[in-house]
Amino acid sequence: MAHIIDMPKLSDTMTVGTLVKWLKQEGDAVKAGDMLAEVETDKATMELESFFDGTLLKIFAPGGSQVAIGDALCAVGKPGETVAAPAKKSTPTTAAPKTASAPAATPSNPKAKIGNPKSVSLPHSALPTLHITTPSGRLKITPLAKKLAAEKGLDPSDIVGTGPAGRITRADILAAEVAGAATPTSRVASASSPQDNFPLRTLPTAISSLPTTFPIQEEKLVPVSNMRATIARRLVESKNSIPHFYLDLEIDAAPLLELRARLNASLEKDAAPAKPGAPVTPPADKLSVNDFILKAAAEALRAVPAMNCSWLGHAIQHHPGVHVSFAVAIEDGLITPVIRDTHTKNFVTISRETKDLAKRAKEKKLKPEEFTGGTFCVTNLGMMGIDRFCAIINPPNAAILAVGATVKKPVVQGDAIVIGQRMNLTLSGDHRVVDGATAAQFLTALKSLLEKPALMLL
């Protein structure tokens, strides 16, 4: 009797899987342990394993199709056996919304779309220049700009103001002189309605000079991937069901950066070639700022274990180990690989694991146990120049730490103002699990570790 192989549940949030491609074809001999196909879940691309010996008799789901958990993928049995496609247990929702063509504009339907937006093009000269006037018709211009325009023989009514509420300033007059005489246009008269008299701000020069050909991108409907659909569902659930609160703290990042530079210099020295003239390869274990933050977060969770918990509804789960996950941006979404037992590992080990996990995450090659089971999450946008931001909690974690960029700024040191290296940390907490005082204790411990990072070497 033939064995039916169903779509397995390959992650905790998976509801459907995409059959990327078959690695075996109908009629091929297979053994237990052979890989039959590649399946994309909501978090990774994984291989489907055969647990039977025999022949691949029938493929029920073609490559590229979405299959619900429990529905049949293929049948393996003895050569020559006939197999009928079993009934589907469930139907995945994959249909894209239909779009109706726009109706033609008629006198009774003046709001209908006209033409195809792909072919719409407006010449720049056809766009009117708006001049700001008060209800009484007086042009809004500063006294200095008015005097300067008279000296240079320019008509202020032909110049667009960029000051507050569209007021013409000295800079506008000088800009008009450089560009030549301002193009004469009719001023906008005050209208009958209060809305028409509302001061209109003109576009900045860089924006107003953009080409006016439309569209800015191709009009299309892109089906939602399994990953994007899961991200959307989980984040909506998180914001709707978790009472978020936020704590913000700025730290002195100079000691961290100094220690990082010294450790990386030491690693480079250890990686230097023994023989003169031999090629120098950069050390694979070069430490990043994020490696220090992951380690510090783990140590702070050890100091304040009440933060290392999860909400279960009927109870609060206290975790015996610290498993810190970190956000990795990948195509069409993000994923949070986990550093298991982060508190037991040093900087170099954490650095090696994060590089390996991030690389395989972008290739969608992570195993389920490598992106599940985290007890705390760190997300860092500092490398993208973001100073500070608030993150959405990744349930069932009780908190997530958002890390901003290190910024040079003046700071008070004693009685002097010096240039400091400052970093912003924002903690999002689940108020069902932790209170503000507990979260503040955690951030204080984290600040102490990052401002005295040598303590983490002990």
Protein backbone atom coordinates (compact mmCIF):
# COMPACT_ATOMS: atom_id res chain seq x y z
CA MET A 1 0.00 0.00 0.00
CA ALA A 2 1.35 3.42 -0.96
CA HIS A 3 2.39 5.91 1.72
CA ILE A 4 0.95 9.42 1.46
CA ILE A 5 3.32 12.22 2.51
CA ASP A 6 1.48 15.30 3.80
CA MET A 7 2.61 18.90 4.25
CA PRO A 8 4.22 18.90 7.71
CA LYS A 9 4.13 21.77 10.19
CA LEU A 10 7.69 23.06 9.95
CA SER A 11 7.35 26.09 12.26
CA ASP A 12 5.19 27.09 15.20
CA THR A 13 3.34 29.77 13.20
CA MET A 14 3.05 27.93 9.88
CA THR A 15 -0.41 27.37 8.37
CA VAL A 16 0.53 26.80 4.72
CA GLY A 17 3.74 25.95 2.90
CA THR A 18 4.92 26.82 -0.60
CA LEU A 19 6.26 23.92 -2.64
CA VAL A 20 9.32 25.69 -4.11
CA LYS A 21 10.54 22.79 -6.26
CA TRP A 22 10.67 19.03 -6.38
CA LEU A 23 14.10 17.39 -6.00
CA LYS A 24 12.71 14.01 -7.17
CA GLN A 25 10.38 13.28 -10.07
CA GLU A 26 7.59 10.75 -10.52
CA GLY A 27 9.09 7.31 -11.13
CA ASP A 28 12.33 8.02 -9.23
CA ALA A 29 13.47 5.51 -6.64
CA VAL A 30 13.70 6.98 -3.13
CA LYS A 31 15.04 5.79 0.19
CA ALA A 32 14.24 6.84 3.72
CA GLY A 33 16.25 9.99 4.41
CA ASP A 34 16.24 11.23 0.79
CA MET A 35 15.20 14.83 0.25
CA LEU A 36 12.09 15.02 -1.92
CA ALA A 37 11.39 18.74 -2.26
CA GLU A 38 12.10 22.25 -0.97
CA VAL A 39 9.31 23.81 1.08
CA GLU A 40 9.14 27.50 1.99
CA THR A 41 7.49 28.22 5.32
CA ASP A 42 6.70 31.61 6.80
CA LYS A 43 10.26 31.82 8.12
CA ALA A 44 12.65 29.65 6.11
CA THR A 45 13.10 27.33 3.14
CA MET A 46 13.49 23.72 4.26
CA GLU A 47 13.88 20.31 2.66
CA LEU A 48 11.12 17.69 2.78
CA GLU A 49 12.44 14.29 3.83
CA SER A 50 11.12 10.86 2.82
CA PHE A 51 10.57 8.39 5.63
CA PHE A 52 9.88 5.45 3.30
CA ASP A 53 11.71 3.31 0.74
CA GLY A 54 10.13 2.82 -2.66
CA THR A 55 9.23 4.76 -5.78
CA LEU A 56 7.82 8.29 -6.02
CA LEU A 57 4.50 7.25 -7.55
CA LYS A 58 2.56 10.50 -7.71
CA ILE A 59 3.10 14.22 -7.09
CA PHE A 60 -0.11 15.94 -5.97
CA ALA A 61 1.20 19.51 -5.59
CA PRO A 62 3.18 21.12 -8.43
CA GLY A 63 6.15 23.38 -7.83
CA GLY A 64 5.19 26.92 -6.81
CA SER A 65 1.85 25.94 -5.28
CA GLN A 66 0.75 26.63 -1.72
CA VAL A 67 -0.37 23.66 0.33
CA ALA A 68 -2.13 23.71 3.69
CA ILE A 69 -0.72 21.73 6.61
CA GLY A 70 -1.91 18.14 6.43
CA ASP A 71 -2.76 18.14 2.73
CA ALA A 72 -1.13 15.52 0.49
CA LEU A 73 2.10 16.32 -1.32
CA CYS A 74 3.05 12.99 -2.90
CA ALA A 75 2.81 9.22 -2.64
CA VAL A 76 5.65 6.70 -2.21
CA GLY A 77 5.09 2.97 -2.76
CA LYS A 78 5.90 -0.04 -4.88
CA PRO A 79 6.50 0.43 -8.63
CA GLY A 80 3.27 0.14 -10.63
CA GLU A 81 0.88 0.93 -7.80
CA THR A 82 -1.96 3.27 -8.71
CA VAL A 83 -2.73 6.10 -6.32
CA ALA A 84 -5.68 8.48 -6.39
CA ALA A 85 -5.33 12.02 -5.12
CA PRO A 86 -6.76 12.16 -1.58
CA ALA A 87 -9.29 14.82 -0.65
CA LYS A 88 -7.89 18.05 0.71
CA LYS A 89 -8.24 18.49 4.45
CA SER A 90 -8.22 22.29 4.24
CA THR A 91 -7.97 25.01 1.63
CA PRO A 92 -5.32 27.73 1.93
CA THR A 93 -6.46 31.23 1.21
CA THR A 94 -4.19 32.37 -1.60
CA ALA A 95 -6.52 34.12 -4.02
CA ALA A 96 -5.56 37.70 -4.75
CA PRO A 97 -8.29 40.32 -4.63
CA LYS A 98 -9.88 41.07 -7.96
CA THR A 99 -9.69 44.54 -9.39
CA ALA A 100 -12.41 46.06 -11.52
CA SER A 101 -11.60 48.27 -14.45
CA ALA A 102 -12.19 51.96 -13.85
CA PRO A 103 -15.46 53.28 -15.31
CA ALA A 104 -15.37 56.00 -17.89
CA ALA A 105 -15.97 59.55 -16.77
CA THR A 106 -19.44 60.84 -17.56
CA PRO A 107 -21.36 63.95 -16.53
CA SER A 108 -23.23 61.78 -14.03
CA ASN A 109 -19.99 60.22 -12.78
CA PRO A 110 -17.37 63.00 -12.81
CA LYS A 111 -15.18 61.25 -10.22
CA ALA A 112 -14.44 58.23 -12.43
CA LYS A 113 -10.82 57.61 -13.35
CA ILE A 114 -9.84 58.94 -16.76
CA GLY A 115 -7.35 57.09 -18.91
CA ASN A 116 -4.41 54.94 -17.86
CA PRO A 117 -2.15 56.47 -15.19
CA LYS A 118 0.88 54.93 -16.91
CA SER A 119 0.51 57.35 -19.79
CA VAL A 120 -0.26 60.52 -17.82
CA SER A 121 2.36 63.23 -18.24
CA LEU A 122 2.13 66.87 -17.25
CA PRO A 123 4.60 69.42 -18.61
CA HIS A 124 6.32 71.44 -15.90
CA SER A 125 5.15 74.67 -17.50
CA ALA A 126 1.54 73.58 -17.02
CA LEU A 127 1.88 73.47 -13.25
CA PRO A 128 0.76 76.79 -11.70
CA THR A 129 2.97 78.66 -9.28
CA LEU A 130 1.07 79.55 -6.12
CA HIS A 131 1.61 82.91 -4.46
CA ILE A 132 0.40 83.53 -0.96
CA THR A 133 -1.85 86.51 -0.27
CA THR A 134 -3.84 87.56 2.73
CA PRO A 135 -7.64 87.85 2.51
CA SER A 136 -7.16 91.56 1.85
CA GLY A 137 -4.97 90.80 -1.17
CA ARG A 138 -1.70 92.00 0.44
CA LEU A 139 1.41 90.06 -0.63
CA LYS A 140 3.20 88.34 2.25
CA ILE A 141 6.81 89.57 2.18
CA THR A 142 9.33 90.62 4.82
CA PRO A 143 10.34 94.33 4.88
CA LEU A 144 13.97 93.46 4.03
CA ALA A 145 12.90 91.29 1.10
CA LYS A 146 10.60 94.06 -0.17
CA LYS A 147 13.42 96.63 -0.02
CA LEU A 148 15.88 94.22 -1.69
CA ALA A 149 13.42 93.45 -4.51
CA ALA A 150 13.00 97.20 -5.20
CA GLU A 151 16.80 97.67 -5.32
CA LYS A 152 17.20 94.82 -7.80
CA GLY A 153 14.20 95.72 -9.93
CA LEU A 154 12.30 92.49 -9.24
CA ASP A 155 8.53 92.18 -8.95
CA PRO A 156 7.79 90.30 -5.65
CA SER A 157 4.44 89.16 -7.01
CA ASP A 158 6.34 86.94 -9.47
CA ILE A 159 8.41 85.23 -6.75
CA VAL A 160 7.38 82.17 -4.76
CA GLY A 161 7.91 82.54 -1.01
CA THR A 162 9.48 79.74 1.02
CA GLY A 163 9.25 81.38 4.46
CA PRO A 164 6.68 80.68 7.17
CA ALA A 165 3.16 80.46 5.68
CA GLY A 166 4.64 81.15 2.23
CA ARG A 167 6.16 84.54 3.12
CA ILE A 168 8.76 85.88 0.66
CA THR A 169 12.14 86.25 2.35
CA ARG A 170 15.51 87.79 1.49
CA ALA A 171 16.75 84.35 0.38
CA ASP A 172 13.86 84.10 -2.13
CA ILE A 173 14.81 87.47 -3.66
CA LEU A 174 18.47 86.48 -3.99
CA ALA A 175 17.50 83.14 -5.49
CA ALA A 176 15.27 84.89 -8.03
CA GLU A 177 18.14 87.22 -8.96
CA VAL A 178 20.49 84.29 -9.57
CA ALA A 179 17.90 82.46 -11.66
CA GLY A 180 17.09 85.58 -13.66
CA ALA A 181 13.81 87.43 -13.61
CA ALA A 182 11.01 85.48 -11.97
CA THR A 183 8.50 84.05 -14.40
CA PRO A 184 5.44 86.32 -14.36
CA THR A 185 2.36 84.52 -13.20
CA SER A 186 -0.99 85.63 -11.97
CA ARG A 187 -1.39 85.89 -8.26
CA VAL A 188 -3.97 83.75 -6.54
CA ALA A 189 -6.82 86.01 -5.54
CA SER A 190 -8.54 85.52 -2.26
CA ALA A 191 -11.47 83.18 -2.70
CA SER A 192 -14.90 83.17 -1.16
CA SER A 193 -14.42 80.22 1.15
CA PRO A 194 -12.20 80.21 4.28
CA GLN A 195 -10.49 77.03 3.04
CA ASP A 196 -9.28 78.80 -0.12
CA ASN A 197 -7.78 81.57 2.03
CA PHE A 198 -5.71 79.07 4.05
CA PRO A 199 -1.97 79.82 3.52
CA LEU A 200 -0.48 77.24 1.16
CA ARG A 201 3.15 76.22 1.59
CA THR A 202 5.14 75.80 -1.60
CA LEU A 203 7.23 72.72 -2.29
CA PRO A 204 10.98 72.87 -1.58
CA THR A 205 13.11 73.43 -4.68
CA ALA A 206 14.47 69.86 -4.69
CA ILE A 207 10.95 68.42 -4.68
CA SER A 208 9.38 70.88 -7.11
CA SER A 209 12.12 70.10 -9.65
CA LEU A 210 11.29 66.39 -9.74
CA PRO A 211 10.00 65.03 -13.06
CA THR A 212 6.21 65.03 -13.30
CA THR A 213 5.81 61.93 -15.49
CA PHE A 214 3.63 59.30 -13.86
CA PRO A 215 3.54 56.62 -12.57
CA ILE A 216 6.50 56.39 -10.17
CA GLN A 217 6.32 52.60 -10.32
CA GLU A 218 4.52 49.87 -12.20
CA GLU A 219 0.93 49.32 -11.08
CA LYS A 220 0.56 45.72 -9.95
CA LEU A 221 -0.81 43.44 -7.24
CA VAL A 222 1.86 41.41 -5.45
CA PRO A 223 0.56 38.28 -3.68
CA VAL A 224 1.40 38.24 0.02
CA SER A 225 4.10 35.70 0.84
CA ASN A 226 3.78 33.27 3.73
CA MET A 227 6.38 35.25 5.67
CA ARG A 228 4.78 38.67 5.13
CA ALA A 229 1.32 37.30 6.01
CA THR A 230 2.66 35.79 9.25
CA ILE A 231 4.51 38.99 10.17
CA ALA A 232 1.36 41.03 9.59
CA ARG A 233 -0.80 38.69 11.64
CA ARG A 234 1.63 38.41 14.57
CA LEU A 235 2.34 42.13 14.78
CA VAL A 236 -1.36 42.99 14.73
CA GLU A 237 -1.92 40.44 17.49
CA SER A 238 1.00 41.88 19.45
CA LYS A 239 -0.15 45.49 19.30
CA ASN A 240 -3.82 44.60 19.89
CA SER A 241 -3.32 42.16 22.76
CA ILE A 242 -0.13 43.31 24.52
CA PRO A 243 -0.23 46.51 26.63
CA HIS A 244 3.08 48.02 25.49
CA PHE A 245 4.97 50.56 27.57
CA TYR A 246 8.26 52.22 26.65
CA LEU A 247 11.35 53.29 28.58
CA ASP A 248 14.08 55.36 26.98
CA LEU A 249 17.70 55.68 28.12
CA GLU A 250 20.83 57.31 26.71
CA ILE A 251 24.21 55.75 27.49
CA ASP A 252 27.84 56.72 27.10
CA ALA A 253 29.05 54.46 24.28
CA ALA A 254 32.69 55.64 24.33
CA PRO A 255 33.99 52.87 26.69
CA LEU A 256 32.24 50.22 24.59
CA LEU A 257 33.74 51.55 21.35
CA GLU A 258 37.20 51.78 22.94
CA LEU A 259 37.10 48.18 24.21
CA ARG A 260 35.77 46.97 20.87
CA ALA A 261 38.62 48.68 19.01
CA ARG A 262 41.22 47.18 21.37
CA LEU A 263 39.78 43.65 21.10
CA ASN A 264 39.53 43.85 17.30
CA ALA A 265 43.13 45.10 17.11
CA SER A 266 44.18 42.11 19.21
CA LEU A 267 42.23 39.74 16.96
CA GLU A 268 43.86 41.26 13.88
CA LYS A 269 47.29 40.83 15.45
CA ASP A 270 46.55 37.16 16.18
CA ALA A 271 45.41 36.72 12.56
CA ALA A 272 48.61 38.29 11.14
CA PRO A 273 50.74 35.87 9.04
CA ALA A 274 53.68 34.20 10.75
CA LYS A 275 55.92 34.64 7.69
CA PRO A 276 56.82 38.07 6.30
CA GLY A 277 55.19 38.75 2.95
CA ALA A 278 52.38 36.24 3.43
CA PRO A 279 48.89 37.55 2.56
CA VAL A 280 46.95 39.09 5.41
CA THR A 281 43.32 38.01 5.74
CA PRO A 282 40.90 39.97 7.93
CA PRO A 283 39.90 38.12 11.11
CA ALA A 284 36.64 36.23 10.85
CA ASP A 285 35.87 37.10 14.48
CA LYS A 286 35.83 40.91 14.15
CA LEU A 287 33.44 42.08 16.84
CA SER A 288 30.47 44.33 16.14
CA VAL A 289 28.70 46.71 18.51
CA ASN A 290 25.70 44.40 18.38
CA ASP A 291 27.79 41.52 19.78
CA PHE A 292 28.45 43.59 22.91
CA ILE A 293 24.78 44.54 23.22
CA LEU A 294 23.62 40.91 22.96
CA LYS A 295 26.09 39.86 25.66
CA ALA A 296 25.18 42.83 27.88
CA ALA A 297 21.46 42.11 27.48
CA ALA A 298 22.03 38.51 28.57
CA GLU A 299 23.98 39.58 31.64
CA ALA A 300 21.35 42.21 32.52
CA LEU A 301 18.66 39.52 32.28
CA ARG A 302 20.67 37.42 34.71
CA ALA A 303 20.79 40.40 37.08
CA VAL A 304 17.04 41.09 36.68
CA PRO A 305 15.52 37.65 35.92
CA ALA A 306 11.96 38.98 36.20
CA MET A 307 12.47 40.36 32.67
CA ASN A 308 13.28 36.88 31.34
CA CYS A 309 9.66 35.72 31.39
CA SER A 310 6.70 35.07 29.09
CA TRP A 311 2.94 35.59 29.36
CA LEU A 312 0.96 32.35 28.97
CA GLY A 313 -2.48 33.70 29.84
CA HIS A 314 -3.10 31.49 32.85
CA ALA A 315 0.47 31.85 34.19
CA ILE A 316 3.79 33.63 33.75
CA GLN A 317 6.61 31.42 32.52
CA HIS A 318 9.98 32.05 34.20
CA HIS A 319 12.79 30.84 31.93
CA PRO A 320 15.82 29.09 33.47
CA GLY A 321 18.09 30.07 30.55
CA VAL A 322 18.73 33.30 28.66
CA HIS A 323 18.18 32.86 24.91
CA VAL A 324 18.59 36.24 23.20
CA SER A 325 17.26 36.62 19.66
CA PHE A 326 18.23 39.38 17.24
CA ALA A 327 16.33 40.80 14.28
CA VAL A 328 17.69 40.17 10.78
CA ALA A 329 16.19 41.96 7.78
CA ILE A 330 15.69 39.59 4.84
CA GLU A 331 13.84 39.78 1.56
CA ASP A 332 10.13 40.37 2.16
CA GLY A 333 10.39 40.52 5.94
CA LEU A 334 12.53 39.81 8.97
CA ILE A 335 13.41 36.89 11.18
CA THR A 336 14.83 36.58 14.69
CA PRO A 337 17.55 33.91 15.02
CA VAL A 338 18.33 32.86 18.60
CA ILE A 339 21.66 32.69 20.45
CA ARG A 340 21.05 29.83 22.87
CA ASP A 341 22.31 30.30 26.44
CA THR A 342 23.74 33.70 25.55
CA HIS A 343 24.79 34.33 29.15
CA THR A 344 27.29 31.45 29.00
CA LYS A 345 29.10 32.67 25.85
CA ASN A 346 31.88 35.20 25.30
CA PHE A 347 32.06 37.97 22.69
CA VAL A 348 33.91 35.90 20.09
CA THR A 349 31.47 32.96 20.32
CA ILE A 350 28.47 35.30 20.08
CA SER A 351 30.06 37.07 17.09
CA ARG A 352 30.63 33.78 15.25
CA GLU A 353 27.08 32.57 15.89
CA THR A 354 25.42 35.84 14.87
CA LYS A 355 27.37 36.00 11.59
CA ASP A 356 26.52 32.38 10.78
CA LEU A 357 22.84 32.69 11.73
CA ALA A 358 22.42 36.01 9.89
CA LYS A 359 24.00 34.59 6.73
CA ARG A 360 21.79 31.50 6.71
CA ALA A 361 18.73 33.59 7.63
CA LYS A 362 19.19 35.66 4.46
CA GLU A 363 19.51 32.42 2.50
CA LYS A 364 16.36 31.06 4.24
CA LYS A 365 18.33 28.07 5.47
CA LEU A 366 17.62 28.27 9.21
CA LYS A 367 16.21 25.28 11.05
CA PRO A 368 13.05 25.83 13.17
CA GLU A 369 14.98 25.43 16.43
CA GLU A 370 17.31 28.24 15.33
CA PHE A 371 14.60 30.91 15.18
CA THR A 372 12.21 29.78 17.93
CA GLY A 373 12.45 29.68 21.70
CA GLY A 374 13.99 33.10 22.30
CA THR A 375 13.28 34.68 25.70
CA PHE A 376 14.32 38.27 24.82
CA CYS A 377 14.85 40.14 21.56
CA VAL A 378 17.25 42.87 20.38
CA THR A 379 16.64 44.90 17.23
CA ASN A 380 19.30 47.35 16.02
CA LEU A 381 18.83 50.05 13.37
CA GLY A 382 21.87 52.04 14.41
CA MET A 383 23.84 50.90 11.38
CA MET A 384 21.14 52.53 9.23
CA GLY A 385 21.56 55.91 10.92
CA ILE A 386 18.40 55.74 13.08
CA ASP A 387 18.97 57.53 16.40
CA ARG A 388 16.04 56.00 18.28
CA PHE A 389 12.85 54.04 17.67
CA CYS A 390 10.24 51.92 19.45
CA ALA A 391 9.91 48.23 18.56
CA ILE A 392 6.88 45.93 18.73
CA ILE A 393 7.21 43.04 21.17
CA ASN A 394 7.76 39.60 19.65
CA PRO A 395 5.44 37.33 21.68
CA PRO A 396 5.74 35.42 23.91
CA ASN A 397 8.74 37.58 24.98
CA ALA A 398 8.06 40.09 27.73
CA ALA A 399 10.20 42.80 26.14
CA ILE A 400 12.25 43.90 23.14
CA LEU A 401 15.22 46.29 23.09
CA ALA A 402 15.55 48.84 20.27
CA VAL A 403 19.11 50.10 19.71
CA GLY A 404 19.89 53.36 17.93
CA ALA A 405 23.01 54.75 16.32
CA THR A 406 26.03 56.05 18.23
CA VAL A 407 26.01 59.82 17.82
CA LYS A 408 28.66 62.42 18.62
CA LYS A 409 27.16 65.24 20.68
CA PRO A 410 28.19 67.79 23.32
CA VAL A 411 27.85 66.42 26.84
CA VAL A 412 28.56 67.85 30.28
CA GLN A 413 31.51 66.19 32.01
CA GLY A 414 32.18 67.74 35.41
CA ASP A 415 32.04 71.47 34.76
CA ALA A 416 33.13 71.22 31.12
CA ILE A 417 31.35 70.52 27.86
CA VAL A 418 33.08 67.83 25.83
CA ILE A 419 32.35 65.76 22.72
CA GLY A 420 30.68 62.52 23.76
CA GLN A 421 29.64 59.29 22.04
CA ARG A 422 26.03 58.65 22.97
CA MET A 423 23.69 55.76 22.18
CA ASN A 424 19.95 55.56 22.75
CA LEU A 425 18.23 52.41 24.02
CA THR A 426 14.43 52.02 24.04
CA LEU A 427 12.81 49.12 25.86
CA SER A 428 9.29 48.00 24.93
CA GLY A 429 7.73 46.05 27.79
CA ASP A 430 4.65 43.85 28.21
CA HIS A 431 2.81 45.38 31.17
CA ARG A 432 1.06 42.08 31.86
CA VAL A 433 4.41 40.52 32.77
CA VAL A 434 6.64 43.35 34.01
CA ASP A 435 6.08 46.76 35.54
CA GLY A 436 7.95 49.99 34.95
CA ALA A 437 10.16 49.61 38.02
CA THR A 438 11.37 46.17 36.94
CA ALA A 439 12.05 47.38 33.40
CA ALA A 440 13.92 50.40 34.82
CA GLN A 441 16.12 48.06 36.89
CA PHE A 442 16.92 46.08 33.76
CA LEU A 443 17.84 49.20 31.76
CA THR A 444 19.99 50.46 34.63
CA ALA A 445 21.87 47.14 34.75
CA LEU A 446 22.27 47.21 30.97
CA LYS A 447 23.60 50.78 31.07
CA SER A 448 26.14 49.86 33.75
CA LEU A 449 27.42 46.92 31.69
CA LEU A 450 27.69 48.86 28.43
CA GLU A 451 29.43 51.80 30.10
CA LYS A 452 31.83 49.41 31.89
CA PRO A 453 32.09 46.64 29.27
CA ALA A 454 35.31 45.20 30.73
CA LEU A 455 33.13 43.70 33.49
CA MET A 456 31.74 41.28 30.89
CA LEU A 457 35.23 39.88 30.30
CA LEU A 458 35.46 38.57 33.86
